[in-house]
PDB file of all heavy atoms in Angstrom:
ATOM      1  N   LEU A   1      -4.558 -44.603  70.603  1.00  0.00           N
ATOM      2  CA  LEU A   1      -4.561 -45.662  71.625  1.00  0.00           C
ATOM      3  C   LEU A   1      -3.419 -46.689  71.312  1.00  0.00           C
ATOM      4  O   LEU A   1      -3.169 -47.010  70.128  1.00  0.00           O
ATOM      5  CB  LEU A   1      -5.909 -46.407  71.704  1.00  0.00           C
ATOM      6  CG  LEU A   1      -7.063 -45.591  72.141  1.00  0.00           C
ATOM      7  CD1 LEU A   1      -8.311 -46.456  72.233  1.00  0.00           C
ATOM      8  CD2 LEU A   1      -6.816 -45.057  73.609  1.00  0.00           C
ATOM      9  N   THR A   2      -2.705 -47.066  72.319  1.00  0.00           N
ATOM     10  CA  THR A   2      -1.672 -48.053  72.186  1.00  0.00           C
ATOM     11  C   THR A   2      -2.095 -49.437  72.653  1.00  0.00           C
ATOM     12  O   THR A   2      -3.241 -49.597  73.156  1.00  0.00           O
ATOM     13  CB  THR A   2      -0.429 -47.699  73.049  1.00  0.00           C
ATOM     14  OG1 THR A   2      -0.830 -47.723  74.477  1.00  0.00           O
ATOM     15  CG2 THR A   2      -0.006 -46.274  72.724  1.00  0.00           C
ATOM     16  N   GLU A   3      -1.296 -50.438  72.458  1.00  0.00           N
ATOM     17  CA  GLU A   3      -1.628 -51.785  72.810  1.00  0.00           C
ATOM     18  C   GLU A   3      -1.781 -51.864  74.370  1.00  0.00           C
ATOM     19  O   GLU A   3      -2.682 -52.607  74.828  1.00  0.00           O
ATOM     20  CB  GLU A   3      -0.408 -52.754  72.437  1.00  0.00           C
ATOM     21  CG  GLU A   3      -0.796 -54.259  72.658  1.00  0.00           C
ATOM     22  CD  GLU A   3       0.203 -55.115  72.029  1.00  0.00           C
ATOM     23  OE1 GLU A   3       1.069 -54.700  71.263  1.00  0.00           O
ATOM     24  OE2 GLU A   3       0.173 -56.375  72.376  1.00  0.00           O
ATOM     25  N   ASN A   4      -1.032 -51.060  75.130  1.00  0.00           N
ATOM     26  CA  ASN A   4      -1.227 -51.056  76.575  1.00  0.00           C
ATOM     27  C   ASN A   4      -2.530 -50.425  76.988  1.00  0.00           C
ATOM     28  O   ASN A   4      -3.207 -50.823  77.983  1.00  0.00           O
ATOM     29  CB  ASN A   4      -0.087 -50.200  77.243  1.00  0.00           C
ATOM     30  CG  ASN A   4       1.180 -51.074  77.300  1.00  0.00           C
ATOM     31  OD1 ASN A   4       1.170 -52.296  77.286  1.00  0.00           O
ATOM     32  ND2 ASN A   4       2.324 -50.357  77.358  1.00  0.00           N
ATOM     33  N   ASP A   5      -2.997 -49.439  76.176  1.00  0.00           N
ATOM     34  CA  ASP A   5      -4.331 -48.810  76.441  1.00  0.00           C
ATOM     35  C   ASP A   5      -5.390 -49.876  76.277  1.00  0.00           C
ATOM     36  O   ASP A   5      -6.345 -49.928  77.042  1.00  0.00           O
ATOM     37  CB  ASP A   5      -4.543 -47.658  75.522  1.00  0.00           C
ATOM     38  CG  ASP A   5      -3.583 -46.459  75.811  1.00  0.00           C
ATOM     39  OD1 ASP A   5      -3.167 -46.316  76.950  1.00  0.00           O
ATOM     40  OD2 ASP A   5      -3.197 -45.767  74.862  1.00  0.00           O
ATOM     41  N   PHE A   6      -5.284 -50.664  75.262  1.00  0.00           N
ATOM     42  CA  PHE A   6      -6.274 -51.709  74.926  1.00  0.00           C
ATOM     43  C   PHE A   6      -6.266 -52.763  76.049  1.00  0.00           C
ATOM     44  O   PHE A   6      -7.268 -53.309  76.380  1.00  0.00           O
ATOM     45  CB  PHE A   6      -6.079 -52.303  73.593  1.00  0.00           C
ATOM     46  CG  PHE A   6      -6.547 -51.414  72.446  1.00  0.00           C
ATOM     47  CD1 PHE A   6      -5.675 -50.905  71.540  1.00  0.00           C
ATOM     48  CD2 PHE A   6      -7.907 -51.146  72.323  1.00  0.00           C
ATOM     49  CE1 PHE A   6      -6.045 -50.038  70.517  1.00  0.00           C
ATOM     50  CE2 PHE A   6      -8.357 -50.351  71.287  1.00  0.00           C
ATOM     51  CZ  PHE A   6      -7.452 -49.768  70.372  1.00  0.00           C
ATOM     52  N   LYS A   7      -5.124 -53.057  76.600  1.00  0.00           N
ATOM     53  CA  LYS A   7      -4.981 -54.002  77.721  1.00  0.00           C
ATOM     54  C   LYS A   7      -5.799 -53.485  78.954  1.00  0.00           C
ATOM     55  O   LYS A   7      -6.514 -54.192  79.617  1.00  0.00           O
ATOM     56  CB  LYS A   7      -3.528 -54.246  78.156  1.00  0.00           C
ATOM     57  CG  LYS A   7      -2.758 -55.089  77.188  1.00  0.00           C
ATOM     58  CD  LYS A   7      -1.361 -55.263  77.622  1.00  0.00           C
ATOM     59  CE  LYS A   7      -0.513 -56.184  76.658  1.00  0.00           C
ATOM     60  NZ  LYS A   7       0.842 -56.357  77.055  1.00  0.00           N
ATOM     61  N   GLU A   8      -5.692 -52.136  79.130  1.00  0.00           N
ATOM     62  CA  GLU A   8      -6.447 -51.462  80.242  1.00  0.00           C
ATOM     63  C   GLU A   8      -7.968 -51.653  80.019  1.00  0.00           C
ATOM     64  O   GLU A   8      -8.749 -51.985  80.835  1.00  0.00           O
ATOM     65  CB  GLU A   8      -6.043 -50.059  80.328  1.00  0.00           C
ATOM     66  CG  GLU A   8      -6.636 -49.366  81.536  1.00  0.00           C
ATOM     67  CD  GLU A   8      -5.786 -49.471  82.819  1.00  0.00           C
ATOM     68  OE1 GLU A   8      -4.572 -49.276  82.737  1.00  0.00           O
ATOM     69  OE2 GLU A   8      -6.393 -49.847  83.845  1.00  0.00           O
ATOM     70  N   LEU A   9      -8.321 -51.410  78.723  1.00  0.00           N
ATOM     71  CA  LEU A   9      -9.726 -51.532  78.356  1.00  0.00           C
ATOM     72  C   LEU A   9     -10.284 -52.960  78.522  1.00  0.00           C
ATOM     73  O   LEU A   9     -11.479 -53.138  78.844  1.00  0.00           O
ATOM     74  CB  LEU A   9      -9.921 -51.111  76.897  1.00  0.00           C
ATOM     75  CG  LEU A   9     -10.337 -49.675  76.567  1.00  0.00           C
ATOM     76  CD1 LEU A   9     -10.541 -49.460  75.058  1.00  0.00           C
ATOM     77  CD2 LEU A   9     -11.502 -49.190  77.382  1.00  0.00           C
ATOM     78  N   LYS A  10      -9.413 -53.967  78.299  1.00  0.00           N
ATOM     79  CA  LYS A  10      -9.897 -55.341  78.416  1.00  0.00           C
ATOM     80  C   LYS A  10     -10.417 -55.619  79.887  1.00  0.00           C
ATOM     81  O   LYS A  10     -11.263 -56.529  80.116  1.00  0.00           O
ATOM     82  CB  LYS A  10      -8.720 -56.298  78.153  1.00  0.00           C
ATOM     83  CG  LYS A  10      -8.446 -56.444  76.703  1.00  0.00           C
ATOM     84  CD  LYS A  10      -7.345 -57.561  76.477  1.00  0.00           C
ATOM     85  CE  LYS A  10      -6.996 -57.721  74.980  1.00  0.00           C
ATOM     86  NZ  LYS A  10      -5.955 -58.691  74.828  1.00  0.00           N
ATOM     87  N   THR A  11      -9.899 -54.892  80.881  1.00  0.00           N
ATOM     88  CA  THR A  11     -10.376 -55.142  82.262  1.00  0.00           C
ATOM     89  C   THR A  11     -11.781 -54.494  82.494  1.00  0.00           C
ATOM     90  O   THR A  11     -12.362 -54.744  83.503  1.00  0.00           O
ATOM     91  CB  THR A  11      -9.341 -54.550  83.278  1.00  0.00           C
ATOM     92  OG1 THR A  11      -9.319 -53.131  83.100  1.00  0.00           O
ATOM     93  CG2 THR A  11      -7.993 -55.109  82.951  1.00  0.00           C
ATOM     94  N   GLU A  12     -12.147 -53.646  81.523  1.00  0.00           N
ATOM     95  CA  GLU A  12     -13.389 -52.851  81.789  1.00  0.00           C
ATOM     96  C   GLU A  12     -14.539 -53.229  80.840  1.00  0.00           C
ATOM     97  O   GLU A  12     -15.708 -53.101  81.142  1.00  0.00           O
ATOM     98  CB  GLU A  12     -13.108 -51.325  81.624  1.00  0.00           C
ATOM     99  CG  GLU A  12     -12.031 -50.823  82.480  1.00  0.00           C
ATOM    100  CD  GLU A  12     -12.336 -51.050  83.942  1.00  0.00           C
ATOM    101  OE1 GLU A  12     -13.519 -51.101  84.407  1.00  0.00           O
ATOM    102  OE2 GLU A  12     -11.380 -51.303  84.704  1.00  0.00           O
ATOM    103  N   LEU A  13     -14.256 -53.546  79.543  1.00  0.00           N
ATOM    104  CA  LEU A  13     -15.228 -53.877  78.550  1.00  0.00           C
ATOM    105  C   LEU A  13     -15.324 -55.347  78.240  1.00  0.00           C
ATOM    106  O   LEU A  13     -14.351 -56.078  78.327  1.00  0.00           O
ATOM    107  CB  LEU A  13     -14.906 -53.094  77.274  1.00  0.00           C
ATOM    108  CG  LEU A  13     -14.779 -51.609  77.335  1.00  0.00           C
ATOM    109  CD1 LEU A  13     -14.442 -51.030  75.891  1.00  0.00           C
ATOM    110  CD2 LEU A  13     -16.031 -50.951  77.879  1.00  0.00           C
ATOM    111  N   LEU A  14     -16.501 -55.761  77.890  1.00  0.00           N
ATOM    112  CA  LEU A  14     -16.663 -57.097  77.347  1.00  0.00           C
ATOM    113  C   LEU A  14     -15.767 -57.237  76.100  1.00  0.00           C
ATOM    114  O   LEU A  14     -15.846 -56.429  75.241  1.00  0.00           O
ATOM    115  CB  LEU A  14     -18.167 -57.307  76.948  1.00  0.00           C
ATOM    116  CG  LEU A  14     -18.448 -58.608  76.243  1.00  0.00           C
ATOM    117  CD1 LEU A  14     -18.158 -59.861  77.117  1.00  0.00           C
ATOM    118  CD2 LEU A  14     -19.832 -58.709  75.641  1.00  0.00           C
ATOM    119  N   THR A  15     -14.972 -58.311  76.117  1.00  0.00           N
ATOM    120  CA  THR A  15     -14.011 -58.465  75.092  1.00  0.00           C
ATOM    121  C   THR A  15     -14.257 -59.753  74.320  1.00  0.00           C
ATOM    122  O   THR A  15     -14.460 -60.833  74.925  1.00  0.00           O
ATOM    123  CB  THR A  15     -12.599 -58.498  75.546  1.00  0.00           C
ATOM    124  OG1 THR A  15     -12.277 -57.252  76.318  1.00  0.00           O
ATOM    125  CG2 THR A  15     -11.545 -58.635  74.508  1.00  0.00           C
ATOM    126  N   ILE A  16     -14.332 -59.645  72.983  1.00  0.00           N
ATOM    127  CA  ILE A  16     -14.520 -60.870  72.137  1.00  0.00           C
ATOM    128  C   ILE A  16     -13.357 -60.940  71.148  1.00  0.00           C
ATOM    129  O   ILE A  16     -12.748 -60.003  70.858  1.00  0.00           O
ATOM    130  CB  ILE A  16     -15.904 -60.855  71.453  1.00  0.00           C
ATOM    131  CG1 ILE A  16     -15.973 -59.686  70.440  1.00  0.00           C
ATOM    132  CG2 ILE A  16     -17.059 -60.761  72.458  1.00  0.00           C
ATOM    133  CD1 ILE A  16     -17.162 -59.755  69.522  1.00  0.00           C
ATOM    134  N   SER A  17     -13.183 -62.094  70.546  1.00  0.00           N
ATOM    135  CA  SER A  17     -12.137 -62.302  69.502  1.00  0.00           C
ATOM    136  C   SER A  17     -12.818 -62.808  68.290  1.00  0.00           C
ATOM    137  O   SER A  17     -13.608 -63.750  68.302  1.00  0.00           O
ATOM    138  CB  SER A  17     -11.142 -63.334  70.103  1.00  0.00           C
ATOM    139  OG  SER A  17     -10.452 -62.938  71.288  1.00  0.00           O
ATOM    140  N   VAL A  18     -12.449 -62.168  67.204  1.00  0.00           N
ATOM    141  CA  VAL A  18     -13.003 -62.578  65.883  1.00  0.00           C
ATOM    142  C   VAL A  18     -11.908 -62.547  64.773  1.00  0.00           C
ATOM    143  O   VAL A  18     -10.896 -61.864  65.019  1.00  0.00           O
ATOM    144  CB  VAL A  18     -14.208 -61.683  65.450  1.00  0.00           C
ATOM    145  CG1 VAL A  18     -15.325 -61.761  66.441  1.00  0.00           C
ATOM    146  CG2 VAL A  18     -13.763 -60.266  65.180  1.00  0.00           C
ATOM    147  N   GLN A  19     -12.208 -63.177  63.621  1.00  0.00           N
ATOM    148  CA  GLN A  19     -11.324 -63.030  62.512  1.00  0.00           C
ATOM    149  C   GLN A  19     -11.757 -61.924  61.614  1.00  0.00           C
ATOM    150  O   GLN A  19     -12.971 -61.556  61.641  1.00  0.00           O
ATOM    151  CB  GLN A  19     -11.349 -64.327  61.792  1.00  0.00           C
ATOM    152  CG  GLN A  19     -10.742 -65.491  62.518  1.00  0.00           C
ATOM    153  CD  GLN A  19     -10.798 -66.817  61.677  1.00  0.00           C
ATOM    154  OE1 GLN A  19     -11.715 -67.050  60.910  1.00  0.00           O
ATOM    155  NE2 GLN A  19      -9.720 -67.595  61.769  1.00  0.00           N
ATOM    156  N   ALA A  20     -10.853 -61.318  60.849  1.00  0.00           N
ATOM    157  CA  ALA A  20     -11.174 -60.403  59.874  1.00  0.00           C
ATOM    158  C   ALA A  20     -12.188 -60.961  58.833  1.00  0.00           C
ATOM    159  O   ALA A  20     -12.079 -62.117  58.510  1.00  0.00           O
ATOM    160  CB  ALA A  20     -10.016 -59.830  59.191  1.00  0.00           C
ATOM    161  N   GLY A  21     -13.169 -60.110  58.422  1.00  0.00           N
ATOM    162  CA  GLY A  21     -14.167 -60.643  57.529  1.00  0.00           C
ATOM    163  C   GLY A  21     -15.336 -61.154  58.166  1.00  0.00           C
ATOM    164  O   GLY A  21     -16.343 -61.494  57.462  1.00  0.00           O
ATOM    165  N   THR A  22     -15.462 -61.156  59.482  1.00  0.00           N
ATOM    166  CA  THR A  22     -16.670 -61.616  60.254  1.00  0.00           C
ATOM    167  C   THR A  22     -17.821 -60.660  59.967  1.00  0.00           C
ATOM    168  O   THR A  22     -17.592 -59.459  59.955  1.00  0.00           O
ATOM    169  CB  THR A  22     -16.381 -61.733  61.731  1.00  0.00           C
ATOM    170  OG1 THR A  22     -15.299 -62.653  61.931  1.00  0.00           O
ATOM    171  CG2 THR A  22     -17.661 -62.350  62.452  1.00  0.00           C
ATOM    172  N   GLU A  23     -18.970 -61.234  59.752  1.00  0.00           N
ATOM    173  CA  GLU A  23     -20.151 -60.421  59.514  1.00  0.00           C
ATOM    174  C   GLU A  23     -20.428 -59.509  60.715  1.00  0.00           C
ATOM    175  O   GLU A  23     -20.414 -59.994  61.868  1.00  0.00           O
ATOM    176  CB  GLU A  23     -21.392 -61.314  59.257  1.00  0.00           C
ATOM    177  CG  GLU A  23     -22.574 -60.586  58.949  1.00  0.00           C
ATOM    178  CD  GLU A  23     -23.829 -61.481  58.815  1.00  0.00           C
ATOM    179  OE1 GLU A  23     -23.712 -62.713  59.146  1.00  0.00           O
ATOM    180  OE2 GLU A  23     -24.916 -60.997  58.482  1.00  0.00           O
ATOM    181  N   LEU A  24     -20.643 -58.205  60.432  1.00  0.00           N
ATOM    182  CA  LEU A  24     -20.855 -57.253  61.597  1.00  0.00           C
ATOM    183  C   LEU A  24     -22.054 -57.630  62.417  1.00  0.00           C
ATOM    184  O   LEU A  24     -22.012 -57.444  63.584  1.00  0.00           O
ATOM    185  CB  LEU A  24     -21.078 -55.899  60.952  1.00  0.00           C
ATOM    186  CG  LEU A  24     -19.802 -55.061  60.731  1.00  0.00           C
ATOM    187  CD1 LEU A  24     -20.086 -53.764  59.914  1.00  0.00           C
ATOM    188  CD2 LEU A  24     -19.128 -54.723  62.079  1.00  0.00           C
ATOM    189  N   ALA A  25     -23.164 -58.090  61.796  1.00  0.00           N
ATOM    190  CA  ALA A  25     -24.337 -58.458  62.619  1.00  0.00           C
ATOM    191  C   ALA A  25     -23.894 -59.555  63.568  1.00  0.00           C
ATOM    192  O   ALA A  25     -24.456 -59.577  64.751  1.00  0.00           O
ATOM    193  CB  ALA A  25     -25.483 -58.922  61.657  1.00  0.00           C
ATOM    194  N   GLN A  26     -23.155 -60.513  63.145  1.00  0.00           N
ATOM    195  CA  GLN A  26     -22.738 -61.609  64.067  1.00  0.00           C
ATOM    196  C   GLN A  26     -21.836 -61.035  65.177  1.00  0.00           C
ATOM    197  O   GLN A  26     -21.904 -61.480  66.357  1.00  0.00           O
ATOM    198  CB  GLN A  26     -21.930 -62.637  63.278  1.00  0.00           C
ATOM    199  CG  GLN A  26     -21.651 -63.886  64.073  1.00  0.00           C
ATOM    200  CD  GLN A  26     -22.851 -64.657  64.559  1.00  0.00           C
ATOM    201  OE1 GLN A  26     -23.560 -65.187  63.738  1.00  0.00           O
ATOM    202  NE2 GLN A  26     -23.149 -64.638  65.880  1.00  0.00           N
ATOM    203  N   VAL A  27     -20.870 -60.139  64.813  1.00  0.00           N
ATOM    204  CA  VAL A  27     -20.023 -59.469  65.845  1.00  0.00           C
ATOM    205  C   VAL A  27     -20.875 -58.822  66.895  1.00  0.00           C
ATOM    206  O   VAL A  27     -20.571 -58.939  68.108  1.00  0.00           O
ATOM    207  CB  VAL A  27     -19.048 -58.474  65.133  1.00  0.00           C
ATOM    208  CG1 VAL A  27     -18.346 -57.749  66.236  1.00  0.00           C
ATOM    209  CG2 VAL A  27     -18.115 -59.147  64.179  1.00  0.00           C
ATOM    210  N   LEU A  28     -21.888 -58.088  66.496  1.00  0.00           N
ATOM    211  CA  LEU A  28     -22.767 -57.394  67.464  1.00  0.00           C
ATOM    212  C   LEU A  28     -23.453 -58.344  68.479  1.00  0.00           C
ATOM    213  O   LEU A  28     -23.577 -58.144  69.675  1.00  0.00           O
ATOM    214  CB  LEU A  28     -23.847 -56.560  66.791  1.00  0.00           C
ATOM    215  CG  LEU A  28     -23.299 -55.381  65.946  1.00  0.00           C
ATOM    216  CD1 LEU A  28     -24.448 -54.666  65.364  1.00  0.00           C
ATOM    217  CD2 LEU A  28     -22.461 -54.455  66.716  1.00  0.00           C
ATOM    218  N   VAL A  29     -23.807 -59.567  67.915  1.00  0.00           N
ATOM    219  CA  VAL A  29     -24.433 -60.557  68.797  1.00  0.00           C
ATOM    220  C   VAL A  29     -23.421 -61.163  69.741  1.00  0.00           C
ATOM    221  O   VAL A  29     -23.646 -61.255  70.932  1.00  0.00           O
ATOM    222  CB  VAL A  29     -25.113 -61.707  67.985  1.00  0.00           C
ATOM    223  CG1 VAL A  29     -25.613 -62.811  68.817  1.00  0.00           C
ATOM    224  CG2 VAL A  29     -26.250 -61.140  67.062  1.00  0.00           C
ATOM    225  N   TYR A  30     -22.191 -61.522  69.165  1.00  0.00           N
ATOM    226  CA  TYR A  30     -21.132 -62.039  70.036  1.00  0.00           C
ATOM    227  C   TYR A  30     -20.803 -61.032  71.211  1.00  0.00           C
ATOM    228  O   TYR A  30     -20.525 -61.445  72.345  1.00  0.00           O
ATOM    229  CB  TYR A  30     -19.834 -62.200  69.175  1.00  0.00           C
ATOM    230  CG  TYR A  30     -19.916 -63.368  68.324  1.00  0.00           C
ATOM    231  CD1 TYR A  30     -19.123 -63.417  67.183  1.00  0.00           C
ATOM    232  CD2 TYR A  30     -20.710 -64.513  68.560  1.00  0.00           C
ATOM    233  CE1 TYR A  30     -19.121 -64.496  66.266  1.00  0.00           C
ATOM    234  CE2 TYR A  30     -20.716 -65.646  67.704  1.00  0.00           C
ATOM    235  CZ  TYR A  30     -19.901 -65.588  66.535  1.00  0.00           C
ATOM    236  OH  TYR A  30     -19.956 -66.669  65.679  1.00  0.00           O
ATOM    237  N   ALA A  31     -20.864 -59.721  70.900  1.00  0.00           N
ATOM    238  CA  ALA A  31     -20.439 -58.666  71.853  1.00  0.00           C
ATOM    239  C   ALA A  31     -21.616 -58.142  72.732  1.00  0.00           C
ATOM    240  O   ALA A  31     -21.459 -57.196  73.448  1.00  0.00           O
ATOM    241  CB  ALA A  31     -19.879 -57.458  71.050  1.00  0.00           C
ATOM    242  N   ASP A  32     -22.741 -58.941  72.645  1.00  0.00           N
ATOM    243  CA  ASP A  32     -23.949 -58.553  73.433  1.00  0.00           C
ATOM    244  C   ASP A  32     -24.423 -57.123  73.216  1.00  0.00           C
ATOM    245  O   ASP A  32     -25.069 -56.482  73.990  1.00  0.00           O
ATOM    246  CB  ASP A  32     -23.590 -58.670  75.028  1.00  0.00           C
ATOM    247  CG  ASP A  32     -23.552 -60.142  75.428  1.00  0.00           C
ATOM    248  OD1 ASP A  32     -24.084 -61.043  74.652  1.00  0.00           O
ATOM    249  OD2 ASP A  32     -23.077 -60.368  76.498  1.00  0.00           O
ATOM    250  N   LEU A  33     -24.190 -56.670  72.027  1.00  0.00           N
ATOM    251  CA  LEU A  33     -24.685 -55.360  71.603  1.00  0.00           C
ATOM    252  C   LEU A  33     -25.999 -55.505  70.850  1.00  0.00           C
ATOM    253  O   LEU A  33     -26.625 -54.533  70.529  1.00  0.00           O
ATOM    254  CB  LEU A  33     -23.685 -54.620  70.649  1.00  0.00           C
ATOM    255  CG  LEU A  33     -22.375 -54.271  71.322  1.00  0.00           C
ATOM    256  CD1 LEU A  33     -21.372 -53.639  70.344  1.00  0.00           C
ATOM    257  CD2 LEU A  33     -22.529 -53.333  72.523  1.00  0.00           C
ATOM    258  N   ALA A  34     -26.385 -56.695  70.564  1.00  0.00           N
ATOM    259  CA  ALA A  34     -27.705 -57.040  69.954  1.00  0.00           C
ATOM    260  C   ALA A  34     -28.070 -58.463  70.420  1.00  0.00           C
ATOM    261  O   ALA A  34     -27.190 -59.355  70.636  1.00  0.00           O
ATOM    262  CB  ALA A  34     -27.579 -56.999  68.463  1.00  0.00           C
ATOM    263  N   SER A  35     -29.369 -58.675  70.549  1.00  0.00           N
ATOM    264  CA  SER A  35     -29.848 -59.962  70.996  1.00  0.00           C
ATOM    265  C   SER A  35     -29.935 -60.994  69.842  1.00  0.00           C
ATOM    266  O   SER A  35     -29.985 -62.209  70.145  1.00  0.00           O
ATOM    267  CB  SER A  35     -31.146 -59.802  71.739  1.00  0.00           C
ATOM    268  OG  SER A  35     -32.104 -59.297  70.816  1.00  0.00           O
TER     269      SER A  35
END
């Protein structure tokens, strides 16, 4: 996948922004993949 492919994905998927090192459990909550 290229940067342009990810731009296309941004129009379809919930997109969140995080810093490297963020706890995975917190990422899942931010991304609505866990409550």
